[in-house]
Amino acid sequence: MKKCNRNLLKVLDEVHKLLVVADIGDLQRNDTGCGELYCVIREKAYRIKELTEKEIKYHKTVKMWNNN
């Protein structure tokens, strides 16, 4: 797999980790400040996921997503 594509998959993995942290943190928080923080983390993670999936789709469309 091309390095650029491998990096995109790594981004998706990191996004997943951020979403897990936000969910757990939100359940365990004690104040609204933490709630705001986890909300921002979740929002940005979903935006990064959206952009990454769009880029992966583009790479597949232009035949850049292969095993070379």
PDB file of N, CA and C in Angstrom:
ATOM      1  N   MET A   1       0.854  -1.183   0.000  1.00  0.00           N
ATOM      2  CA  MET A   1       0.000   0.000   0.000  1.00  0.00           C
ATOM      3  C   MET A   1       0.895   1.239   0.000  1.00  0.00           C
ATOM      4  N   LYS A   2       0.473   2.237  -0.752  1.00  0.00           N
ATOM      5  CA  LYS A   2       1.221   3.483  -0.799  1.00  0.00           C
ATOM      6  C   LYS A   2       1.232   4.153   0.566  1.00  0.00           C
ATOM      7  N   LYS A   3       2.335   4.846   0.854  1.00  0.00           N
ATOM      8  CA  LYS A   3       2.470   5.518   2.147  1.00  0.00           C
ATOM      9  C   LYS A   3       1.353   6.525   2.386  1.00  0.00           C
ATOM     10  N   CYS A   4       0.965   7.255   1.352  1.00  0.00           N
ATOM     11  CA  CYS A   4      -0.094   8.263   1.532  1.00  0.00           C
ATOM     12  C   CYS A   4      -1.411   7.605   1.933  1.00  0.00           C
ATOM     13  N   ASN A   5      -1.691   6.452   1.377  1.00  0.00           N
ATOM     14  CA  ASN A   5      -2.918   5.744   1.721  1.00  0.00           C
ATOM     15  C   ASN A   5      -2.833   5.120   3.111  1.00  0.00           C
ATOM     16  N   ARG A   6      -1.670   4.613   3.451  1.00  0.00           N
ATOM     17  CA  ARG A   6      -1.462   4.054   4.779  1.00  0.00           C
ATOM     18  C   ARG A   6      -1.669   5.144   5.839  1.00  0.00           C
ATOM     19  N   ASN A   7      -1.202   6.336   5.533  1.00  0.00           N
ATOM     20  CA  ASN A   7      -1.381   7.450   6.467  1.00  0.00           C
ATOM     21  C   ASN A   7      -2.854   7.800   6.644  1.00  0.00           C
ATOM     22  N   LEU A   8      -3.624   7.732   5.577  1.00  0.00           N
ATOM     23  CA  LEU A   8      -5.057   8.005   5.697  1.00  0.00           C
ATOM     24  C   LEU A   8      -5.743   6.986   6.605  1.00  0.00           C
ATOM     25  N   LEU A   9      -5.337   5.738   6.494  1.00  0.00           N
ATOM     26  CA  LEU A   9      -5.896   4.712   7.377  1.00  0.00           C
ATOM     27  C   LEU A   9      -5.487   4.958   8.830  1.00  0.00           C
ATOM     28  N   LYS A  10      -4.264   5.435   9.029  1.00  0.00           N
ATOM     29  CA  LYS A  10      -3.815   5.783  10.379  1.00  0.00           C
ATOM     30  C   LYS A  10      -4.660   6.913  10.956  1.00  0.00           C
ATOM     31  N   VAL A  11      -5.001   7.871  10.112  1.00  0.00           N
ATOM     32  CA  VAL A  11      -5.846   8.979  10.568  1.00  0.00           C
ATOM     33  C   VAL A  11      -7.192   8.449  11.042  1.00  0.00           C
ATOM     34  N   LEU A  12      -7.795   7.553  10.272  1.00  0.00           N
ATOM     35  CA  LEU A  12      -9.080   6.972  10.682  1.00  0.00           C
ATOM     36  C   LEU A  12      -8.954   6.232  12.013  1.00  0.00           C
ATOM     37  N   ASP A  13      -7.837   5.556  12.219  1.00  0.00           N
ATOM     38  CA  ASP A  13      -7.616   4.861  13.480  1.00  0.00           C
ATOM     39  C   ASP A  13      -7.522   5.860  14.631  1.00  0.00           C
ATOM     40  N   GLU A  14      -6.818   6.950  14.434  1.00  0.00           N
ATOM     41  CA  GLU A  14      -6.687   7.967  15.479  1.00  0.00           C
ATOM     42  C   GLU A  14      -8.028   8.643  15.766  1.00  0.00           C
ATOM     43  N   VAL A  15      -8.815   8.862  14.730  1.00  0.00           N
ATOM     44  CA  VAL A  15     -10.146   9.444  14.908  1.00  0.00           C
ATOM     45  C   VAL A  15     -10.996   8.533  15.793  1.00  0.00           C
ATOM     46  N   HIS A  16     -10.925   7.246  15.530  1.00  0.00           N
ATOM     47  CA  HIS A  16     -11.673   6.290  16.341  1.00  0.00           C
ATOM     48  C   HIS A  16     -11.259   6.405  17.808  1.00  0.00           C
ATOM     49  N   LYS A  17      -9.959   6.514  18.048  1.00  0.00           N
ATOM     50  CA  LYS A  17      -9.460   6.644  19.422  1.00  0.00           C
ATOM     51  C   LYS A  17      -9.976   7.929  20.072  1.00  0.00           C
ATOM     52  N   LEU A  18      -9.987   9.022  19.317  1.00  0.00           N
ATOM     53  CA  LEU A  18     -10.502  10.281  19.851  1.00  0.00           C
ATOM     54  C   LEU A  18     -11.972  10.167  20.228  1.00  0.00           C
ATOM     55  N   LEU A  19     -12.748   9.499  19.400  1.00  0.00           N
ATOM     56  CA  LEU A  19     -14.171   9.343  19.680  1.00  0.00           C
ATOM     57  C   LEU A  19     -14.395   8.489  20.932  1.00  0.00           C
ATOM     58  N   VAL A  20     -13.590   7.471  21.113  1.00  0.00           N
ATOM     59  CA  VAL A  20     -13.702   6.631  22.303  1.00  0.00           C
ATOM     60  C   VAL A  20     -13.366   7.454  23.545  1.00  0.00           C
ATOM     61  N   VAL A  21     -12.275   8.219  23.483  1.00  0.00           N
ATOM     62  CA  VAL A  21     -11.888   9.058  24.621  1.00  0.00           C
ATOM     63  C   VAL A  21     -12.989  10.066  24.938  1.00  0.00           C
ATOM     64  N   ALA A  22     -13.565  10.676  23.915  1.00  0.00           N
ATOM     65  CA  ALA A  22     -14.628  11.662  24.128  1.00  0.00           C
ATOM     66  C   ALA A  22     -15.848  11.019  24.778  1.00  0.00           C
ATOM     67  N   ASP A  23     -16.218   9.844  24.328  1.00  0.00           N
ATOM     68  CA  ASP A  23     -17.376   9.161  24.903  1.00  0.00           C
ATOM     69  C   ASP A  23     -17.134   8.778  26.363  1.00  0.00           C
ATOM     70  N   ILE A  24     -15.988   8.183  26.632  1.00  0.00           N
ATOM     71  CA  ILE A  24     -15.671   7.774  28.001  1.00  0.00           C
ATOM     72  C   ILE A  24     -15.524   9.005  28.898  1.00  0.00           C
ATOM     73  N   GLY A  25     -14.805  10.004  28.402  1.00  0.00           N
ATOM     74  CA  GLY A  25     -14.615  11.221  29.182  1.00  0.00           C
ATOM     75  C   GLY A  25     -15.926  11.903  29.514  1.00  0.00           C
ATOM     76  N   ASP A  26     -16.820  11.910  28.556  1.00  0.00           N
ATOM     77  CA  ASP A  26     -18.118  12.542  28.775  1.00  0.00           C
ATOM     78  C   ASP A  26     -18.911  11.808  29.856  1.00  0.00           C
ATOM     79  N   LEU A  27     -18.814  10.507  29.879  1.00  0.00           N
ATOM     80  CA  LEU A  27     -19.511   9.715  30.898  1.00  0.00           C
ATOM     81  C   LEU A  27     -18.915   9.901  32.289  1.00  0.00           C
ATOM     82  N   GLN A  28     -17.619  10.187  32.345  1.00  0.00           N
ATOM     83  CA  GLN A  28     -16.928  10.252  33.632  1.00  0.00           C
ATOM     84  C   GLN A  28     -16.667  11.675  34.116  1.00  0.00           C
ATOM     85  N   ARG A  29     -17.111  12.661  33.392  1.00  0.00           N
ATOM     86  CA  ARG A  29     -16.791  14.047  33.743  1.00  0.00           C
ATOM     87  C   ARG A  29     -17.554  14.508  34.975  1.00  0.00           C
ATOM     88  N   ASN A  30     -16.993  15.559  35.607  1.00  0.00           N
ATOM     89  CA  ASN A  30     -17.599  16.103  36.814  1.00  0.00           C
ATOM     90  C   ASN A  30     -18.084  17.541  36.648  1.00  0.00           C
ATOM     91  N   ASP A  31     -17.782  18.141  35.506  1.00  0.00           N
ATOM     92  CA  ASP A  31     -18.178  19.538  35.338  1.00  0.00           C
ATOM     93  C   ASP A  31     -18.456  19.837  33.869  1.00  0.00           C
ATOM     94  N   THR A  32     -19.044  21.001  33.625  1.00  0.00           N
ATOM     95  CA  THR A  32     -19.422  21.366  32.265  1.00  0.00           C
ATOM     96  C   THR A  32     -18.226  21.710  31.384  1.00  0.00           C
ATOM     97  N   GLY A  33     -17.136  22.165  31.995  1.00  0.00           N
ATOM     98  CA  GLY A  33     -15.934  22.472  31.209  1.00  0.00           C
ATOM     99  C   GLY A  33     -15.424  21.255  30.475  1.00  0.00           C
ATOM    100  N   CYS A  34     -15.388  20.135  31.168  1.00  0.00           N
ATOM    101  CA  CYS A  34     -14.975  18.884  30.529  1.00  0.00           C
ATOM    102  C   CYS A  34     -15.987  18.480  29.447  1.00  0.00           C
ATOM    103  N   GLY A  35     -17.255  18.718  29.716  1.00  0.00           N
ATOM    104  CA  GLY A  35     -18.286  18.408  28.720  1.00  0.00           C
ATOM    105  C   GLY A  35     -18.069  19.181  27.437  1.00  0.00           C
ATOM    106  N   GLU A  36     -17.733  20.459  27.572  1.00  0.00           N
ATOM    107  CA  GLU A  36     -17.447  21.277  26.394  1.00  0.00           C
ATOM    108  C   GLU A  36     -16.237  20.743  25.645  1.00  0.00           C
ATOM    109  N   LEU A  37     -15.202  20.380  26.387  1.00  0.00           N
ATOM    110  CA  LEU A  37     -13.989  19.835  25.774  1.00  0.00           C
ATOM    111  C   LEU A  37     -14.297  18.579  24.969  1.00  0.00           C
ATOM    112  N   TYR A  38     -15.027  17.639  25.567  1.00  0.00           N
ATOM    113  CA  TYR A  38     -15.327  16.389  24.872  1.00  0.00           C
ATOM    114  C   TYR A  38     -16.250  16.615  23.678  1.00  0.00           C
ATOM    115  N   CYS A  39     -17.103  17.611  23.771  1.00  0.00           N
ATOM    116  CA  CYS A  39     -17.956  17.972  22.637  1.00  0.00           C
ATOM    117  C   CYS A  39     -17.111  18.462  21.463  1.00  0.00           C
ATOM    118  N   VAL A  40     -16.143  19.315  21.748  1.00  0.00           N
ATOM    119  CA  VAL A  40     -15.265  19.836  20.693  1.00  0.00           C
ATOM    120  C   VAL A  40     -14.431  18.702  20.088  1.00  0.00           C
ATOM    121  N   ILE A  41     -13.906  17.832  20.944  1.00  0.00           N
ATOM    122  CA  ILE A  41     -13.125  16.701  20.442  1.00  0.00           C
ATOM    123  C   ILE A  41     -13.977  15.853  19.501  1.00  0.00           C
ATOM    124  N   ARG A  42     -15.203  15.569  19.908  1.00  0.00           N
ATOM    125  CA  ARG A  42     -16.100  14.749  19.093  1.00  0.00           C
ATOM    126  C   ARG A  42     -16.416  15.430  17.756  1.00  0.00           C
ATOM    127  N   GLU A  43     -16.750  16.721  17.809  1.00  0.00           N
ATOM    128  CA  GLU A  43     -17.058  17.465  16.577  1.00  0.00           C
ATOM    129  C   GLU A  43     -15.887  17.456  15.609  1.00  0.00           C
ATOM    130  N   LYS A  44     -14.694  17.744  16.112  1.00  0.00           N
ATOM    131  CA  LYS A  44     -13.511  17.802  15.242  1.00  0.00           C
ATOM    132  C   LYS A  44     -13.150  16.418  14.717  1.00  0.00           C
ATOM    133  N   ALA A  45     -13.320  15.394  15.549  1.00  0.00           N
ATOM    134  CA  ALA A  45     -13.025  14.037  15.099  1.00  0.00           C
ATOM    135  C   ALA A  45     -13.938  13.638  13.945  1.00  0.00           C
ATOM    136  N   TYR A  46     -15.220  13.972  14.055  1.00  0.00           N
ATOM    137  CA  TYR A  46     -16.139  13.648  12.957  1.00  0.00           C
ATOM    138  C   TYR A  46     -15.797  14.430  11.691  1.00  0.00           C
ATOM    139  N   ARG A  47     -15.344  15.656  11.833  1.00  0.00           N
ATOM    140  CA  ARG A  47     -14.942  16.463  10.665  1.00  0.00           C
ATOM    141  C   ARG A  47     -13.702  15.866  10.013  1.00  0.00           C
ATOM    142  N   ILE A  48     -12.727  15.474  10.829  1.00  0.00           N
ATOM    143  CA  ILE A  48     -11.519  14.847  10.292  1.00  0.00           C
ATOM    144  C   ILE A  48     -11.877  13.537   9.601  1.00  0.00           C
ATOM    145  N   LYS A  49     -12.771  12.767  10.203  1.00  0.00           N
ATOM    146  CA  LYS A  49     -13.213  11.499   9.601  1.00  0.00           C
ATOM    147  C   LYS A  49     -13.858  11.750   8.244  1.00  0.00           C
ATOM    148  N   GLU A  50     -14.717  12.747   8.179  1.00  0.00           N
ATOM    149  CA  GLU A  50     -15.397  13.082   6.930  1.00  0.00           C
ATOM    150  C   GLU A  50     -14.384  13.446   5.840  1.00  0.00           C
ATOM    151  N   LEU A  51     -13.425  14.284   6.164  1.00  0.00           N
ATOM    152  CA  LEU A  51     -12.414  14.697   5.187  1.00  0.00           C
ATOM    153  C   LEU A  51     -11.535  13.525   4.756  1.00  0.00           C
ATOM    154  N   THR A  52     -11.187  12.680   5.703  1.00  0.00           N
ATOM    155  CA  THR A  52     -10.343  11.530   5.390  1.00  0.00           C
ATOM    156  C   THR A  52     -11.074  10.550   4.492  1.00  0.00           C
ATOM    157  N   GLU A  53     -12.323  10.269   4.792  1.00  0.00           N
ATOM    158  CA  GLU A  53     -13.102   9.359   3.949  1.00  0.00           C
ATOM    159  C   GLU A  53     -13.290   9.927   2.552  1.00  0.00           C
ATOM    160  N   LYS A  54     -13.445  11.226   2.463  1.00  0.00           N
ATOM    161  CA  LYS A  54     -13.563  11.883   1.154  1.00  0.00           C
ATOM    162  C   LYS A  54     -12.263  11.703   0.362  1.00  0.00           C
ATOM    163  N   GLU A  55     -11.133  11.856   1.031  1.00  0.00           N
ATOM    164  CA  GLU A  55      -9.838  11.705   0.368  1.00  0.00           C
ATOM    165  C   GLU A  55      -9.603  10.259  -0.063  1.00  0.00           C
ATOM    166  N   ILE A  56      -9.996   9.308   0.769  1.00  0.00           N
ATOM    167  CA  ILE A  56      -9.869   7.894   0.405  1.00  0.00           C
ATOM    168  C   ILE A  56     -10.722   7.598  -0.823  1.00  0.00           C
ATOM    169  N   LYS A  57     -11.936   8.111  -0.845  1.00  0.00           N
ATOM    170  CA  LYS A  57     -12.818   7.911  -2.000  1.00  0.00           C
ATOM    171  C   LYS A  57     -12.186   8.495  -3.261  1.00  0.00           C
ATOM    172  N   TYR A  58     -11.594   9.678  -3.119  1.00  0.00           N
ATOM    173  CA  TYR A  58     -10.920  10.296  -4.266  1.00  0.00           C
ATOM    174  C   TYR A  58      -9.757   9.426  -4.738  1.00  0.00           C
ATOM    175  N   HIS A  59      -8.941   8.946  -3.814  1.00  0.00           N
ATOM    176  CA  HIS A  59      -7.809   8.107  -4.190  1.00  0.00           C
ATOM    177  C   HIS A  59      -8.278   6.862  -4.932  1.00  0.00           C
ATOM    178  N   LYS A  60      -9.384   6.301  -4.498  1.00  0.00           N
ATOM    179  CA  LYS A  60      -9.916   5.120  -5.182  1.00  0.00           C
ATOM    180  C   LYS A  60     -10.446   5.477  -6.563  1.00  0.00           C
ATOM    181  N   THR A  61     -11.064   6.640  -6.686  1.00  0.00           N
ATOM    182  CA  THR A  61     -11.626   7.079  -7.965  1.00  0.00           C
ATOM    183  C   THR A  61     -10.535   7.284  -9.017  1.00  0.00           C
ATOM    184  N   VAL A  62      -9.413   7.848  -8.612  1.00  0.00           N
ATOM    185  CA  VAL A  62      -8.333   8.139  -9.567  1.00  0.00           C
ATOM    186  C   VAL A  62      -7.281   7.030  -9.584  1.00  0.00           C
ATOM    187  N   LYS A  63      -7.646   5.892  -9.042  1.00  0.00           N
ATOM    188  CA  LYS A  63      -6.799   4.689  -9.058  1.00  0.00           C
ATOM    189  C   LYS A  63      -5.480   4.871  -8.306  1.00  0.00           C
ATOM    190  N   MET A  64      -5.493   5.675  -7.249  1.00  0.00           N
ATOM    191  CA  MET A  64      -4.307   5.835  -6.405  1.00  0.00           C
ATOM    192  C   MET A  64      -4.346   4.882  -5.212  1.00  0.00           C
ATOM    193  N   TRP A  65      -5.450   4.178  -5.062  1.00  0.00           N
ATOM    194  CA  TRP A  65      -5.623   3.272  -3.920  1.00  0.00           C
ATOM    195  C   TRP A  65      -5.338   1.865  -4.396  1.00  0.00           C
ATOM    196  N   ASN A  66      -4.092   1.511  -4.320  1.00  0.00           N
ATOM    197  CA  ASN A  66      -3.711   0.159  -4.745  1.00  0.00           C
ATOM    198  C   ASN A  66      -2.617  -0.373  -3.830  1.00  0.00           C
ATOM    199  N   ASN A  67      -2.089  -1.518  -4.147  1.00  0.00           N
ATOM    200  CA  ASN A  67      -1.102  -2.167  -3.295  1.00  0.00           C
ATOM    201  C   ASN A  67       0.327  -1.824  -3.658  1.00  0.00           C
ATOM    202  N   ASN A  68       0.542  -0.823  -4.464  1.00  0.00           N
ATOM    203  CA  ASN A  68       1.914  -0.435  -4.842  1.00  0.00           C
ATOM    204  C   ASN A  68       2.522   0.495  -3.835  1.00  0.00           C
TER     205      ASN A  68
END
